[in-house]
Amino acid sequence: MLPKYIWYERIGDYYIPVLTLSSEEQCPIGKWGRMHRDYIKEHRPILFNDLILSGHLWVYLVDLNEQAQERLDSIMEQMKVAEGVTEELKRTQQMEWVRRCNNIHNRAEEIILQEMIYS
């Protein structure tokens, strides 16, 4: 939220506004938040400007990043169960397990990109 009053500090002959970031804006926005920020900045500039001017952009991106990461973990677990990627496979055929997990991870990321980031 933007402050109601802006304080100025006199430095020499000039008054410089004293601006600080709120505690919410000091949280990292993560991979998904950065990707979505770039997307809305280029493809949905009205939403981007609206979020910036209201002071809610950072909170929005942090929340989206958390949701996207939780969704990614959930999709990956569901795919591992559906495709039979187990600890037994990891113990017996490590390279096959890594190949399958990487494949699942890449597909899950594509789902997140389509469902949450580029929409």
Protein backbone atom coordinates (compact mmCIF):
# COMPACT_ATOMS: atom_id res chain seq x y z
CA MET A 1 0.00 0.00 0.00
CA LEU A 2 1.30 3.43 -0.88
CA PRO A 3 1.87 5.84 1.99
CA LYS A 4 -0.54 8.73 2.41
CA TYR A 5 2.24 11.20 2.97
CA ILE A 6 5.69 11.38 1.46
CA TRP A 7 8.41 12.81 3.63
CA TYR A 8 11.21 14.86 2.15
CA GLU A 9 14.73 15.37 3.36
CA ARG A 10 16.63 18.50 2.51
CA ILE A 11 20.01 17.82 0.98
CA GLY A 12 21.77 21.01 0.05
CA ASP A 13 19.29 23.12 -1.91
CA TYR A 14 17.09 20.17 -2.88
CA TYR A 15 14.31 18.23 -1.20
CA ILE A 16 14.64 14.50 -1.85
CA PRO A 17 11.72 12.14 -1.07
CA VAL A 18 12.42 9.55 1.61
CA LEU A 19 11.21 6.29 0.08
CA THR A 20 11.34 2.87 1.71
CA LEU A 21 10.19 -0.57 0.66
CA SER A 22 7.53 -2.24 2.71
CA SER A 23 8.45 -5.53 4.40
CA GLU A 24 6.37 -7.43 1.81
CA GLU A 25 8.53 -6.14 -1.01
CA GLN A 26 11.63 -7.61 0.55
CA CYS A 27 10.52 -11.21 -0.04
CA PRO A 28 11.98 -12.88 -3.13
CA ILE A 29 9.48 -13.41 -5.94
CA GLY A 30 11.20 -16.54 -7.27
CA LYS A 31 11.38 -18.07 -10.72
CA TRP A 32 7.64 -18.21 -11.43
CA GLY A 33 7.03 -14.70 -10.13
CA ARG A 34 9.76 -13.25 -12.35
CA MET A 35 8.43 -15.07 -15.40
CA HIS A 36 4.87 -13.89 -14.76
CA ARG A 37 6.05 -10.32 -14.12
CA ASP A 38 7.81 -10.27 -17.49
CA TYR A 39 4.71 -11.72 -19.17
CA ILE A 40 2.24 -9.21 -17.73
CA LYS A 41 4.67 -6.35 -18.30
CA GLU A 42 4.78 -7.13 -22.03
CA HIS A 43 1.36 -8.65 -22.76
CA ARG A 44 -0.95 -7.15 -20.13
CA PRO A 45 0.43 -3.66 -19.44
CA ILE A 46 -2.81 -2.34 -17.94
CA LEU A 47 -2.80 -5.06 -15.26
CA PHE A 48 0.91 -4.51 -14.68
CA ASN A 49 0.49 -0.74 -14.21
CA ASP A 50 -2.57 -1.26 -12.04
CA LEU A 51 -0.66 -3.61 -9.71
CA ILE A 52 2.32 -1.26 -9.53
CA LEU A 53 0.24 1.83 -8.82
CA SER A 54 -1.82 0.06 -6.15
CA GLY A 55 1.36 -1.28 -4.52
CA HIS A 56 0.24 -4.90 -4.81
CA LEU A 57 2.58 -6.19 -7.53
CA TRP A 58 5.14 -7.71 -5.20
CA VAL A 59 2.56 -9.44 -2.98
CA TYR A 60 0.77 -10.74 -6.08
CA LEU A 61 4.00 -12.19 -7.53
CA VAL A 62 5.11 -13.78 -4.24
CA ASP A 63 1.70 -15.43 -3.89
CA LEU A 64 1.72 -16.65 -7.50
CA ASN A 65 5.22 -18.07 -7.07
CA GLU A 66 4.17 -20.05 -3.98
CA GLN A 67 1.06 -21.38 -5.71
CA ALA A 68 3.01 -22.37 -8.82
CA GLN A 69 5.66 -24.20 -6.78
CA GLU A 70 3.02 -26.09 -4.79
CA ARG A 71 1.20 -27.00 -8.00
CA LEU A 72 4.47 -28.19 -9.59
CA ASP A 73 5.21 -30.46 -6.62
CA SER A 74 1.67 -31.82 -6.67
CA ILE A 75 1.71 -32.55 -10.42
CA MET A 76 5.12 -34.23 -10.17
CA GLU A 77 3.99 -36.53 -7.37
CA GLN A 78 0.84 -37.48 -9.28
CA MET A 79 2.85 -38.23 -12.43
CA LYS A 80 5.41 -40.30 -10.51
CA VAL A 81 2.65 -42.45 -9.08
CA ALA A 82 0.91 -42.80 -12.46
CA GLU A 83 4.12 -43.76 -14.26
CA GLY A 84 5.53 -46.05 -11.60
CA VAL A 85 8.59 -43.99 -10.68
CA THR A 86 9.34 -45.41 -7.25
CA GLU A 87 12.14 -45.62 -4.72
CA GLU A 88 12.63 -49.21 -5.84
CA LEU A 89 13.43 -47.99 -9.35
CA LYS A 90 15.76 -45.39 -7.87
CA ARG A 91 17.59 -48.09 -5.92
CA THR A 92 17.91 -50.55 -8.80
CA GLN A 93 18.22 -48.37 -11.95
CA GLN A 94 19.45 -44.94 -10.97
CA MET A 95 19.97 -43.50 -14.44
CA GLU A 96 16.52 -44.64 -15.59
CA TRP A 97 15.00 -43.05 -12.49
CA VAL A 98 16.82 -39.76 -13.18
CA ARG A 99 15.69 -39.80 -16.83
CA ARG A 100 12.07 -40.36 -15.87
CA CYS A 101 12.13 -37.74 -13.11
CA ASN A 102 13.65 -35.15 -15.45
CA ASN A 103 11.01 -35.97 -18.06
CA ILE A 104 8.22 -35.61 -15.48
CA HIS A 105 9.70 -32.35 -14.19
CA ASN A 106 9.88 -30.85 -17.69
CA ARG A 107 6.28 -31.82 -18.48
CA ALA A 108 5.05 -30.47 -15.14
CA GLU A 109 6.84 -27.16 -15.76
CA GLU A 110 5.14 -26.86 -19.15
CA ILE A 111 1.76 -27.38 -17.47
CA ILE A 112 2.54 -24.65 -14.91
CA LEU A 113 3.65 -22.27 -17.65
CA GLN A 114 0.42 -22.76 -19.59
CA GLU A 115 -1.96 -22.78 -16.62
CA MET A 116 -0.53 -20.10 -14.39
CA ILE A 117 2.27 -18.04 -15.90
CA TYR A 118 1.10 -17.26 -19.44
CA SER A 119 -2.58 -16.81 -18.72
